[in-house]
């Protein structure tokens, strides 16, 4: 139970620094659906020509979300908040949608951050 409270705080304090740097991914490596970039704790949602990037941290307490393809949604392993594939909050305790991360396409690459 203590891990439920210490994990989000420790994750934020010790691991979030590198996540704020811009990075890029070749567009050819991004397929329709969800792509998780573990190193940067982001999810990339692609459907045809639409690309959105979401922070993989739950908006409740910052736990890293899991994506369940069979359910087509993100679920927090700590407190079970749920979000749609488009990042919209379905069920709490989270009170808001997933945070979107700025991205742009240039030279056949997706730049994130």
PDB file of N, CA and C in Angstrom:
ATOM      1  N   UNK A   1       0.816  -1.189   0.000  1.00  0.00           N
ATOM      2  CA  UNK A   1       0.000   0.000   0.000  1.00  0.00           C
ATOM      3  C   UNK A   1       0.864   1.260   0.000  1.00  0.00           C
ATOM      4  N   UNK A   2       1.975   1.217   0.708  1.00  0.00           N
ATOM      5  CA  UNK A   2       2.848   2.406   0.731  1.00  0.00           C
ATOM      6  C   UNK A   2       3.334   2.735  -0.669  1.00  0.00           C
ATOM      7  N   UNK A   3       3.551   1.705  -1.500  1.00  0.00           N
ATOM      8  CA  UNK A   3       4.007   1.926  -2.870  1.00  0.00           C
ATOM      9  C   UNK A   3       3.009   2.706  -3.703  1.00  0.00           C
ATOM     10  N   UNK A   4       1.731   2.578  -3.350  1.00  0.00           N
ATOM     11  CA  UNK A   4       0.688   3.301  -4.066  1.00  0.00           C
ATOM     12  C   UNK A   4       0.906   4.810  -3.976  1.00  0.00           C
ATOM     13  N   UNK A   5       1.441   5.255  -2.852  1.00  0.00           N
ATOM     14  CA  UNK A   5       1.662   6.689  -2.649  1.00  0.00           C
ATOM     15  C   UNK A   5       3.071   7.129  -2.986  1.00  0.00           C
ATOM     16  N   UNK A   6       4.054   6.261  -2.741  1.00  0.00           N
ATOM     17  CA  UNK A   6       5.440   6.658  -2.974  1.00  0.00           C
ATOM     18  C   UNK A   6       5.838   6.532  -4.438  1.00  0.00           C
ATOM     19  N   UNK A   7       5.259   5.598  -5.178  1.00  0.00           N
ATOM     20  CA  UNK A   7       5.629   5.423  -6.587  1.00  0.00           C
ATOM     21  C   UNK A   7       5.406   6.690  -7.409  1.00  0.00           C
ATOM     22  N   UNK A   8       4.201   7.293  -7.360  1.00  0.00           N
ATOM     23  CA  UNK A   8       4.005   8.502  -8.184  1.00  0.00           C
ATOM     24  C   UNK A   8       4.961   9.631  -7.816  1.00  0.00           C
ATOM     25  N   UNK A   9       5.170   9.862  -6.527  1.00  0.00           N
ATOM     26  CA  UNK A   9       6.062  10.941  -6.097  1.00  0.00           C
ATOM     27  C   UNK A   9       7.499  10.649  -6.505  1.00  0.00           C
ATOM     28  N   UNK A  10       7.962   9.437  -6.288  1.00  0.00           N
ATOM     29  CA  UNK A  10       9.329   9.070  -6.671  1.00  0.00           C
ATOM     30  C   UNK A  10       9.518   9.114  -8.169  1.00  0.00           C
ATOM     31  N   UNK A  11       8.532   8.660  -8.900  1.00  0.00           N
ATOM     32  CA  UNK A  11       8.602   8.686 -10.362  1.00  0.00           C
ATOM     33  C   UNK A  11       8.724  10.117 -10.857  1.00  0.00           C
ATOM     34  N   UNK A  12       7.943  11.016 -10.290  1.00  0.00           N
ATOM     35  CA  UNK A  12       7.982  12.415 -10.708  1.00  0.00           C
ATOM     36  C   UNK A  12       9.319  13.055 -10.348  1.00  0.00           C
ATOM     37  N   UNK A  13       9.779  12.834  -9.141  1.00  0.00           N
ATOM     38  CA  UNK A  13      10.997  13.497  -8.668  1.00  0.00           C
ATOM     39  C   UNK A  13      12.270  12.986  -9.334  1.00  0.00           C
ATOM     40  N   UNK A  14      12.325  11.696  -9.633  1.00  0.00           N
ATOM     41  CA  UNK A  14      13.581  11.114 -10.082  1.00  0.00           C
ATOM     42  C   UNK A  14      13.653  10.762 -11.556  1.00  0.00           C
ATOM     43  N   UNK A  15      12.524  10.618 -12.226  1.00  0.00           N
ATOM     44  CA  UNK A  15      12.570  10.131 -13.599  1.00  0.00           C
ATOM     45  C   UNK A  15      11.986  11.081 -14.631  1.00  0.00           C
ATOM     46  N   UNK A  16      11.376  12.171 -14.233  1.00  0.00           N
ATOM     47  CA  UNK A  16      10.687  13.010 -15.200  1.00  0.00           C
ATOM     48  C   UNK A  16      11.607  13.997 -15.920  1.00  0.00           C
ATOM     49  N   UNK A  17      12.837  14.153 -15.487  1.00  0.00           N
ATOM     50  CA  UNK A  17      13.695  15.174 -16.075  1.00  0.00           C
ATOM     51  C   UNK A  17      13.962  14.947 -17.555  1.00  0.00           C
ATOM     52  N   UNK A  18      14.272  13.748 -17.988  1.00  0.00           N
ATOM     53  CA  UNK A  18      14.584  13.481 -19.388  1.00  0.00           C
ATOM     54  C   UNK A  18      13.345  13.495 -20.273  1.00  0.00           C
ATOM     55  N   UNK A  19      12.167  13.357 -19.684  1.00  0.00           N
ATOM     56  CA  UNK A  19      10.950  13.306 -20.466  1.00  0.00           C
ATOM     57  C   UNK A  19      10.608  14.649 -21.085  1.00  0.00           C
ATOM     58  N   UNK A  20      11.154  15.731 -20.572  1.00  0.00           N
ATOM     59  CA  UNK A  20      10.817  17.064 -21.069  1.00  0.00           C
ATOM     60  C   UNK A  20      11.639  17.471 -22.277  1.00  0.00           C
ATOM     61  N   UNK A  21      12.598  16.684 -22.674  1.00  0.00           N
ATOM     62  CA  UNK A  21      13.430  17.011 -23.828  1.00  0.00           C
ATOM     63  C   UNK A  21      12.733  16.573 -25.112  1.00  0.00           C
ATOM     64  N   UNK A  22      12.940  17.361 -26.161  1.00  0.00           N
ATOM     65  CA  UNK A  22      12.365  16.995 -27.450  1.00  0.00           C
ATOM     66  C   UNK A  22      13.106  15.776 -28.009  1.00  0.00           C
ATOM     67  N   UNK A  23      12.357  14.912 -28.645  1.00  0.00           N
ATOM     68  CA  UNK A  23      12.943  13.753 -29.319  1.00  0.00           C
ATOM     69  C   UNK A  23      12.141  13.499 -30.583  1.00  0.00           C
ATOM     70  N   UNK A  24      12.663  12.654 -31.462  1.00  0.00           N
ATOM     71  CA  UNK A  24      11.965  12.384 -32.719  1.00  0.00           C
ATOM     72  C   UNK A  24      11.914  10.887 -32.989  1.00  0.00           C
ATOM     73  N   UNK A  25      10.933  10.530 -33.808  1.00  0.00           N
ATOM     74  CA  UNK A  25      10.717   9.152 -34.224  1.00  0.00           C
ATOM     75  C   UNK A  25      10.406   9.178 -35.714  1.00  0.00           C
ATOM     76  N   UNK A  26      11.038   8.310 -36.497  1.00  0.00           N
ATOM     77  CA  UNK A  26      10.680   8.244 -37.923  1.00  0.00           C
ATOM     78  C   UNK A  26       9.198   7.886 -38.083  1.00  0.00           C
ATOM     79  N   UNK A  27       8.515   8.588 -38.958  1.00  0.00           N
ATOM     80  CA  UNK A  27       7.087   8.325 -39.178  1.00  0.00           C
ATOM     81  C   UNK A  27       6.830   6.884 -39.594  1.00  0.00           C
ATOM     82  N   UNK A  28       7.767   6.271 -40.297  1.00  0.00           N
ATOM     83  CA  UNK A  28       7.565   4.884 -40.742  1.00  0.00           C
ATOM     84  C   UNK A  28       7.473   3.909 -39.569  1.00  0.00           C
ATOM     85  N   UNK A  29       7.930   4.312 -38.383  1.00  0.00           N
ATOM     86  CA  UNK A  29       7.890   3.450 -37.198  1.00  0.00           C
ATOM     87  C   UNK A  29       6.589   3.586 -36.408  1.00  0.00           C
ATOM     88  N   UNK A  30       5.700   4.458 -36.857  1.00  0.00           N
ATOM     89  CA  UNK A  30       4.446   4.696 -36.146  1.00  0.00           C
ATOM     90  C   UNK A  30       3.298   4.136 -36.974  1.00  0.00           C
ATOM     91  N   UNK A  31       2.651   3.120 -36.448  1.00  0.00           N
ATOM     92  CA  UNK A  31       1.529   2.482 -37.140  1.00  0.00           C
ATOM     93  C   UNK A  31       0.215   2.971 -36.564  1.00  0.00           C
ATOM     94  N   UNK A  32      -0.871   2.741 -37.281  1.00  0.00           N
ATOM     95  CA  UNK A  32      -2.189   3.094 -36.760  1.00  0.00           C
ATOM     96  C   UNK A  32      -2.414   2.382 -35.424  1.00  0.00           C
ATOM     97  N   UNK A  33      -3.045   3.083 -34.513  1.00  0.00           N
ATOM     98  CA  UNK A  33      -3.282   2.553 -33.173  1.00  0.00           C
ATOM     99  C   UNK A  33      -2.403   3.267 -32.164  1.00  0.00           C
ATOM    100  N   UNK A  34      -2.019   2.536 -31.133  1.00  0.00           N
ATOM    101  CA  UNK A  34      -1.222   3.096 -30.038  1.00  0.00           C
ATOM    102  C   UNK A  34       0.209   2.568 -30.094  1.00  0.00           C
ATOM    103  N   UNK A  35       1.144   3.482 -29.981  1.00  0.00           N
ATOM    104  CA  UNK A  35       2.564   3.140 -29.858  1.00  0.00           C
ATOM    105  C   UNK A  35       3.039   3.725 -28.544  1.00  0.00           C
ATOM    106  N   UNK A  36       3.640   2.896 -27.699  1.00  0.00           N
ATOM    107  CA  UNK A  36       4.177   3.383 -26.421  1.00  0.00           C
ATOM    108  C   UNK A  36       5.681   3.567 -26.556  1.00  0.00           C
ATOM    109  N   UNK A  37       6.158   4.729 -26.154  1.00  0.00           N
ATOM    110  CA  UNK A  37       7.592   5.003 -26.123  1.00  0.00           C
ATOM    111  C   UNK A  37       7.993   5.010 -24.653  1.00  0.00           C
ATOM    112  N   UNK A  38       8.423   3.856 -24.151  1.00  0.00           N
ATOM    113  CA  UNK A  38       8.720   3.692 -22.728  1.00  0.00           C
ATOM    114  C   UNK A  38       9.792   4.654 -22.234  1.00  0.00           C
ATOM    115  N   UNK A  39      10.825   4.846 -23.039  1.00  0.00           N
ATOM    116  CA  UNK A  39      11.941   5.689 -22.614  1.00  0.00           C
ATOM    117  C   UNK A  39      11.482   7.101 -22.257  1.00  0.00           C
ATOM    118  N   UNK A  40      10.457   7.590 -22.942  1.00  0.00           N
ATOM    119  CA  UNK A  40       9.981   8.957 -22.734  1.00  0.00           C
ATOM    120  C   UNK A  40       8.598   9.021 -22.080  1.00  0.00           C
ATOM    121  N   UNK A  41       8.051   7.865 -21.725  1.00  0.00           N
ATOM    122  CA  UNK A  41       6.736   7.797 -21.082  1.00  0.00           C
ATOM    123  C   UNK A  41       5.660   8.565 -21.842  1.00  0.00           C
ATOM    124  N   UNK A  42       5.519   8.214 -23.111  1.00  0.00           N
ATOM    125  CA  UNK A  42       4.462   8.796 -23.933  1.00  0.00           C
ATOM    126  C   UNK A  42       3.757   7.692 -24.720  1.00  0.00           C
ATOM    127  N   UNK A  43       2.508   7.983 -25.074  1.00  0.00           N
ATOM    128  CA  UNK A  43       1.751   7.150 -25.991  1.00  0.00           C
ATOM    129  C   UNK A  43       1.492   7.976 -27.234  1.00  0.00           C
ATOM    130  N   UNK A  44       1.670   7.365 -28.385  1.00  0.00           N
ATOM    131  CA  UNK A  44       1.351   8.019 -29.654  1.00  0.00           C
ATOM    132  C   UNK A  44       0.111   7.336 -30.221  1.00  0.00           C
ATOM    133  N   UNK A  45      -0.919   8.134 -30.492  1.00  0.00           N
ATOM    134  CA  UNK A  45      -2.144   7.627 -31.091  1.00  0.00           C
ATOM    135  C   UNK A  45      -2.171   8.081 -32.538  1.00  0.00           C
ATOM    136  N   UNK A  46      -2.258   7.102 -33.448  1.00  0.00           N
ATOM    137  CA  UNK A  46      -2.301   7.423 -34.878  1.00  0.00           C
ATOM    138  C   UNK A  46      -3.502   6.742 -35.500  1.00  0.00           C
ATOM    139  N   UNK A  47      -4.243   7.529 -36.258  1.00  0.00           N
ATOM    140  CA  UNK A  47      -5.345   6.991 -37.048  1.00  0.00           C
ATOM    141  C   UNK A  47      -5.300   7.714 -38.379  1.00  0.00           C
ATOM    142  N   UNK A  48      -4.906   6.987 -39.408  1.00  0.00           N
ATOM    143  CA  UNK A  48      -4.704   7.539 -40.751  1.00  0.00           C
ATOM    144  C   UNK A  48      -3.672   8.663 -40.679  1.00  0.00           C
ATOM    145  N   UNK A  49      -4.075   9.894 -40.952  1.00  0.00           N
ATOM    146  CA  UNK A  49      -3.135  11.015 -40.929  1.00  0.00           C
ATOM    147  C   UNK A  49      -3.180  11.813 -39.633  1.00  0.00           C
ATOM    148  N   UNK A  50      -3.990  11.390 -38.687  1.00  0.00           N
ATOM    149  CA  UNK A  50      -4.100  12.096 -37.408  1.00  0.00           C
ATOM    150  C   UNK A  50      -3.139  11.464 -36.401  1.00  0.00           C
ATOM    151  N   UNK A  51      -2.323  12.309 -35.783  1.00  0.00           N
ATOM    152  CA  UNK A  51      -1.391  11.843 -34.762  1.00  0.00           C
ATOM    153  C   UNK A  51      -1.543  12.725 -33.534  1.00  0.00           C
ATOM    154  N   UNK A  52      -1.736  12.087 -32.377  1.00  0.00           N
ATOM    155  CA  UNK A  52      -1.778  12.792 -31.105  1.00  0.00           C
ATOM    156  C   UNK A  52      -0.816  12.098 -30.151  1.00  0.00           C
ATOM    157  N   UNK A  53      -0.179  12.877 -29.299  1.00  0.00           N
ATOM    158  CA  UNK A  53       0.776  12.327 -28.341  1.00  0.00           C
ATOM    159  C   UNK A  53       0.273  12.649 -26.943  1.00  0.00           C
ATOM    160  N   UNK A  54       0.241  11.623 -26.094  1.00  0.00           N
ATOM    161  CA  UNK A  54      -0.236  11.771 -24.724  1.00  0.00           C
ATOM    162  C   UNK A  54       0.865  11.410 -23.739  1.00  0.00           C
ATOM    163  N   UNK A  55       0.890  12.147 -22.636  1.00  0.00           N
ATOM    164  CA  UNK A  55       1.749  11.800 -21.513  1.00  0.00           C
ATOM    165  C   UNK A  55       1.224  10.480 -20.956  1.00  0.00           C
ATOM    166  N   UNK A  56       2.100   9.531 -20.681  1.00  0.00           N
ATOM    167  CA  UNK A  56       1.692   8.218 -20.191  1.00  0.00           C
ATOM    168  C   UNK A  56       1.404   8.203 -18.700  1.00  0.00           C
ATOM    169  N   UNK A  57       1.528   9.344 -18.038  1.00  0.00           N
ATOM    170  CA  UNK A  57       1.239   9.427 -16.609  1.00  0.00           C
ATOM    171  C   UNK A  57      -0.253   9.673 -16.386  1.00  0.00           C
ATOM    172  N   UNK A  58      -0.828   8.951 -15.442  1.00  0.00           N
ATOM    173  CA  UNK A  58      -2.216   9.170 -15.068  1.00  0.00           C
ATOM    174  C   UNK A  58      -2.350  10.573 -14.486  1.00  0.00           C
ATOM    175  N   UNK A  59      -3.444  11.240 -14.821  1.00  0.00           N
ATOM    176  CA  UNK A  59      -3.658  12.600 -14.334  1.00  0.00           C
ATOM    177  C   UNK A  59      -4.144  12.627 -12.884  1.00  0.00           C
ATOM    178  N   UNK A  60      -4.290  11.475 -12.264  1.00  0.00           N
ATOM    179  CA  UNK A  60      -4.685  11.417 -10.857  1.00  0.00           C
ATOM    180  C   UNK A  60      -3.467  11.599  -9.956  1.00  0.00           C
ATOM    181  N   UNK A  61      -2.516  10.651 -10.014  1.00  0.00           N
ATOM    182  CA  UNK A  61      -1.334  10.729  -9.150  1.00  0.00           C
ATOM    183  C   UNK A  61      -0.033  10.424  -9.877  1.00  0.00           C
ATOM    184  N   UNK A  62      -0.085  10.322 -11.186  1.00  0.00           N
ATOM    185  CA  UNK A  62       1.146  10.193 -11.963  1.00  0.00           C
ATOM    186  C   UNK A  62       1.661   8.794 -12.232  1.00  0.00           C
ATOM    187  N   UNK A  63       0.907   7.775 -11.904  1.00  0.00           N
ATOM    188  CA  UNK A  63       1.350   6.413 -12.211  1.00  0.00           C
ATOM    189  C   UNK A  63       1.406   6.240 -13.734  1.00  0.00           C
ATOM    190  N   UNK A  64       2.266   5.345 -14.205  1.00  0.00           N
ATOM    191  CA  UNK A  64       2.373   5.077 -15.641  1.00  0.00           C
ATOM    192  C   UNK A  64       1.211   4.181 -16.065  1.00  0.00           C
ATOM    193  N   UNK A  65       0.458   4.645 -17.058  1.00  0.00           N
ATOM    194  CA  UNK A  65      -0.704   3.917 -17.553  1.00  0.00           C
ATOM    195  C   UNK A  65      -0.311   2.715 -18.396  1.00  0.00           C
ATOM    196  N   UNK A  66      -1.214   1.770 -18.475  1.00  0.00           N
ATOM    197  CA  UNK A  66      -1.098   0.640 -19.392  1.00  0.00           C
ATOM    198  C   UNK A  66      -2.181   0.793 -20.451  1.00  0.00           C
ATOM    199  N   UNK A  67      -1.865   0.384 -21.684  1.00  0.00           N
ATOM    200  CA  UNK A  67      -2.876   0.379 -22.727  1.00  0.00           C
ATOM    201  C   UNK A  67      -3.322  -1.048 -22.961  1.00  0.00           C
ATOM    202  N   UNK A  68      -4.620  -1.266 -22.943  1.00  0.00           N
ATOM    203  CA  UNK A  68      -5.197  -2.588 -23.176  1.00  0.00           C
ATOM    204  C   UNK A  68      -5.877  -2.582 -24.531  1.00  0.00           C
ATOM    205  N   UNK A  69      -5.223  -3.222 -25.482  1.00  0.00           N
ATOM    206  CA  UNK A  69      -5.725  -3.234 -26.860  1.00  0.00           C
ATOM    207  C   UNK A  69      -7.096  -3.899 -26.953  1.00  0.00           C
ATOM    208  N   UNK A  70      -7.303  -4.968 -26.201  1.00  0.00           N
ATOM    209  CA  UNK A  70      -8.581  -5.679 -26.254  1.00  0.00           C
ATOM    210  C   UNK A  70      -9.743  -4.836 -25.722  1.00  0.00           C
ATOM    211  N   UNK A  71      -9.454  -3.919 -24.804  1.00  0.00           N
ATOM    212  CA  UNK A  71     -10.476  -3.031 -24.250  1.00  0.00           C
ATOM    213  C   UNK A  71     -10.451  -1.658 -24.917  1.00  0.00           C
ATOM    214  N   UNK A  72      -9.396  -1.409 -25.689  1.00  0.00           N
ATOM    215  CA  UNK A  72      -9.211  -0.152 -26.414  1.00  0.00           C
ATOM    216  C   UNK A  72      -9.208   1.060 -25.469  1.00  0.00           C
ATOM    217  N   UNK A  73      -8.522   0.906 -24.317  1.00  0.00           N
ATOM    218  CA  UNK A  73      -8.436   2.016 -23.378  1.00  0.00           C
ATOM    219  C   UNK A  73      -7.189   1.899 -22.507  1.00  0.00           C
ATOM    220  N   UNK A  74      -6.853   3.038 -21.897  1.00  0.00           N
ATOM    221  CA  UNK A  74      -5.759   3.121 -20.948  1.00  0.00           C
ATOM    222  C   UNK A  74      -6.328   2.900 -19.550  1.00  0.00           C
ATOM    223  N   UNK A  75      -5.611   2.122 -18.733  1.00  0.00           N
ATOM    224  CA  UNK A  75      -6.048   1.888 -17.360  1.00  0.00           C
ATOM    225  C   UNK A  75      -4.848   2.084 -16.435  1.00  0.00           C
ATOM    226  N   UNK A  76      -5.086   2.827 -15.359  1.00  0.00           N
ATOM    227  CA  UNK A  76      -4.042   3.076 -14.370  1.00  0.00           C
ATOM    228  C   UNK A  76      -3.906   1.849 -13.468  1.00  0.00           C
ATOM    229  N   UNK A  77      -2.677   1.317 -13.317  1.00  0.00           N
ATOM    230  CA  UNK A  77      -2.493   0.149 -12.466  1.00  0.00           C
ATOM    231  C   UNK A  77      -2.584   0.477 -10.974  1.00  0.00           C
ATOM    232  N   UNK A  78      -2.495   1.742 -10.609  1.00  0.00           N
ATOM    233  CA  UNK A  78      -2.505   2.125  -9.188  1.00  0.00           C
ATOM    234  C   UNK A  78      -3.907   2.308  -8.626  1.00  0.00           C
ATOM    235  N   UNK A  79      -4.730   3.109  -9.303  1.00  0.00           N
ATOM    236  CA  UNK A  79      -6.045   3.440  -8.764  1.00  0.00           C
ATOM    237  C   UNK A  79      -7.175   3.206  -9.760  1.00  0.00           C
ATOM    238  N   UNK A  80      -6.849   2.615 -10.899  1.00  0.00           N
ATOM    239  CA  UNK A  80      -7.827   2.132 -11.886  1.00  0.00           C
ATOM    240  C   UNK A  80      -8.609   3.207 -12.631  1.00  0.00           C
ATOM    241  N   UNK A  81      -8.063   4.410 -12.737  1.00  0.00           N
ATOM    242  CA  UNK A  81      -8.679   5.396 -13.623  1.00  0.00           C
ATOM    243  C   UNK A  81      -8.618   4.833 -15.041  1.00  0.00           C
ATOM    244  N   UNK A  82      -9.576   5.212 -15.873  1.00  0.00           N
ATOM    245  CA  UNK A  82      -9.627   4.721 -17.243  1.00  0.00           C
ATOM    246  C   UNK A  82      -9.791   5.886 -18.215  1.00  0.00           C
ATOM    247  N   UNK A  83      -9.150   5.742 -19.367  1.00  0.00           N
ATOM    248  CA  UNK A  83      -9.168   6.775 -20.396  1.00  0.00           C
ATOM    249  C   UNK A  83      -9.379   6.115 -21.752  1.00  0.00           C
ATOM    250  N   UNK A  84     -10.096   6.790 -22.630  1.00  0.00           N
ATOM    251  CA  UNK A  84     -10.319   6.271 -23.979  1.00  0.00           C
ATOM    252  C   UNK A  84      -9.022   6.341 -24.787  1.00  0.00           C
ATOM    253  N   UNK A  85      -9.053   5.748 -25.950  1.00  0.00           N
ATOM    254  CA  UNK A  85      -7.904   5.767 -26.853  1.00  0.00           C
ATOM    255  C   UNK A  85      -7.563   7.197 -27.293  1.00  0.00           C
ATOM    256  N   UNK A  86      -8.532   8.099 -27.193  1.00  0.00           N
ATOM    257  CA  UNK A  86      -8.320   9.511 -27.527  1.00  0.00           C
ATOM    258  C   UNK A  86      -7.922  10.342 -26.304  1.00  0.00           C
ATOM    259  N   UNK A  87      -7.654   9.669 -25.168  1.00  0.00           N
ATOM    260  CA  UNK A  87      -7.196  10.363 -23.977  1.00  0.00           C
ATOM    261  C   UNK A  87      -8.284  10.956 -23.108  1.00  0.00           C
ATOM    262  N   UNK A  88      -9.541  10.664 -23.411  1.00  0.00           N
ATOM    263  CA  UNK A  88     -10.662  11.221 -22.654  1.00  0.00           C
ATOM    264  C   UNK A  88     -10.932  10.366 -21.418  1.00  0.00           C
ATOM    265  N   UNK A  89     -11.093  11.034 -20.266  1.00  0.00           N
ATOM    266  CA  UNK A  89     -11.364  10.347 -19.012  1.00  0.00           C
ATOM    267  C   UNK A  89     -12.700   9.606 -19.089  1.00  0.00           C
ATOM    268  N   UNK A  90     -12.684   8.318 -18.744  1.00  0.00           N
ATOM    269  CA  UNK A  90     -13.889   7.499 -18.723  1.00  0.00           C
ATOM    270  C   UNK A  90     -14.357   7.301 -17.281  1.00  0.00           C
ATOM    271  N   UNK A  91     -13.373   7.025 -16.399  1.00  0.00           N
ATOM    272  CA  UNK A  91     -13.688   6.653 -15.022  1.00  0.00           C
ATOM    273  C   UNK A  91     -12.573   7.149 -14.113  1.00  0.00           C
ATOM    274  N   UNK A  92     -12.922   7.640 -12.922  1.00  0.00           N
ATOM    275  CA  UNK A  92     -11.949   8.183 -11.970  1.00  0.00           C
ATOM    276  C   UNK A  92     -11.351   7.133 -11.077  1.00  0.00           C
ATOM    277  N   UNK A  93     -10.505   7.599 -10.191  1.00  0.00           N
ATOM    278  CA  UNK A  93     -10.509   8.875  -9.501  1.00  0.00           C
ATOM    279  C   UNK A  93      -9.880  10.056 -10.255  1.00  0.00           C
ATOM    280  N   UNK A  94      -9.232   9.832 -11.369  1.00  0.00           N
ATOM    281  CA  UNK A  94      -8.712  10.972 -12.145  1.00  0.00           C
ATOM    282  C   UNK A  94      -9.877  11.888 -12.496  1.00  0.00           C
ATOM    283  N   UNK A  95      -9.639  13.186 -12.463  1.00  0.00           N
ATOM    284  CA  UNK A  95     -10.698  14.165 -12.715  1.00  0.00           C
ATOM    285  C   UNK A  95     -10.611  14.797 -14.103  1.00  0.00           C
ATOM    286  N   UNK A  96      -9.506  14.545 -14.821  1.00  0.00           N
ATOM    287  CA  UNK A  96      -9.354  15.192 -16.124  1.00  0.00           C
ATOM    288  C   UNK A  96      -8.762  14.230 -17.150  1.00  0.00           C
ATOM    289  N   UNK A  97      -8.832  14.640 -18.409  1.00  0.00           N
ATOM    290  CA  UNK A  97      -8.308  13.843 -19.523  1.00  0.00           C
ATOM    291  C   UNK A  97      -6.786  13.736 -19.435  1.00  0.00           C
ATOM    292  N   UNK A  98      -6.225  12.869 -20.265  1.00  0.00           N
ATOM    293  CA  UNK A  98      -4.768  12.760 -20.343  1.00  0.00           C
ATOM    294  C   UNK A  98      -4.173  14.044 -20.893  1.00  0.00           C
ATOM    295  N   UNK A  99      -2.972  14.343 -20.471  1.00  0.00           N
ATOM    296  CA  UNK A  99      -2.274  15.524 -20.970  1.00  0.00           C
ATOM    297  C   UNK A  99      -1.720  15.246 -22.360  1.00  0.00           C
ATOM    298  N   UNK A 100      -1.973  16.174 -23.277  1.00  0.00           N
ATOM    299  CA  UNK A 100      -1.416  16.069 -24.624  1.00  0.00           C
ATOM    300  C   UNK A 100      -0.045  16.718 -24.634  1.00  0.00           C
ATOM    301  N   UNK A 101       0.832  16.190 -25.479  1.00  0.00           N
ATOM    302  CA  UNK A 101       2.176  16.717 -25.625  1.00  0.00           C
ATOM    303  C   UNK A 101       2.310  17.270 -27.037  1.00  0.00           C
ATOM    304  N   UNK A 102       2.907  18.439 -27.130  1.00  0.00           N
ATOM    305  CA  UNK A 102       3.084  19.071 -28.433  1.00  0.00           C
ATOM    306  C   UNK A 102       3.935  18.192 -29.338  1.00  0.00           C
ATOM    307  N   UNK A 103       3.559  18.162 -30.609  1.00  0.00           N
ATOM    308  CA  UNK A 103       4.326  17.397 -31.588  1.00  0.00           C
ATOM    309  C   UNK A 103       4.227  18.086 -32.943  1.00  0.00           C
ATOM    310  N   UNK A 104       5.179  17.783 -33.801  1.00  0.00           N
ATOM    311  CA  UNK A 104       5.175  18.333 -35.158  1.00  0.00           C
ATOM    312  C   UNK A 104       5.875  17.341 -36.072  1.00  0.00           C
ATOM    313  N   UNK A 105       5.533  17.417 -37.344  1.00  0.00           N
ATOM    314  CA  UNK A 105       6.143  16.534 -38.345  1.00  0.00           C
ATOM    315  C   UNK A 105       7.070  17.365 -39.219  1.00  0.00           C
ATOM    316  N   UNK A 106       8.274  16.864 -39.410  1.00  0.00           N
ATOM    317  CA  UNK A 106       9.262  17.525 -40.260  1.00  0.00           C
ATOM    318  C   UNK A 106      10.239  16.472 -40.768  1.00  0.00           C
ATOM    319  N   UNK A 107      10.539  16.525 -42.061  1.00  0.00           N
ATOM    320  CA  UNK A 107      11.508  15.616 -42.675  1.00  0.00           C
ATOM    321  C   UNK A 107      11.206  14.141 -42.386  1.00  0.00           C
ATOM    322  N   UNK A 108       9.925  13.765 -42.505  1.00  0.00           N
ATOM    323  CA  UNK A 108       9.492  12.392 -42.312  1.00  0.00           C
ATOM    324  C   UNK A 108       9.742  11.861 -40.905  1.00  0.00           C
ATOM    325  N   UNK A 109       9.750  12.792 -39.932  1.00  0.00           N
ATOM    326  CA  UNK A 109       9.912  12.420 -38.524  1.00  0.00           C
ATOM    327  C   UNK A 109       8.850  13.127 -37.699  1.00  0.00           C
ATOM    328  N   UNK A 110       8.452  12.467 -36.601  1.00  0.00           N
ATOM    329  CA  UNK A 110       7.562  13.079 -35.639  1.00  0.00           C
ATOM    330  C   UNK A 110       8.428  13.594 -34.492  1.00  0.00           C
ATOM    331  N   UNK A 111       8.395  14.900 -34.274  1.00  0.00           N
ATOM    332  CA  UNK A 111       9.135  15.523 -33.179  1.00  0.00           C
ATOM    333  C   UNK A 111       8.169  15.724 -32.028  1.00  0.00           C
ATOM    334  N   UNK A 112       8.562  15.277 -30.858  1.00  0.00           N
ATOM    335  CA  UNK A 112       7.706  15.305 -29.681  1.00  0.00           C
ATOM    336  C   UNK A 112       8.391  16.105 -28.585  1.00  0.00           C
ATOM    337  N   UNK A 113       7.624  17.012 -27.977  1.00  0.00           N
ATOM    338  CA  UNK A 113       8.155  17.774 -26.837  1.00  0.00           C
ATOM    339  C   UNK A 113       8.302  19.231 -27.146  1.00  0.00           C
TER     340      UNK A 113
END
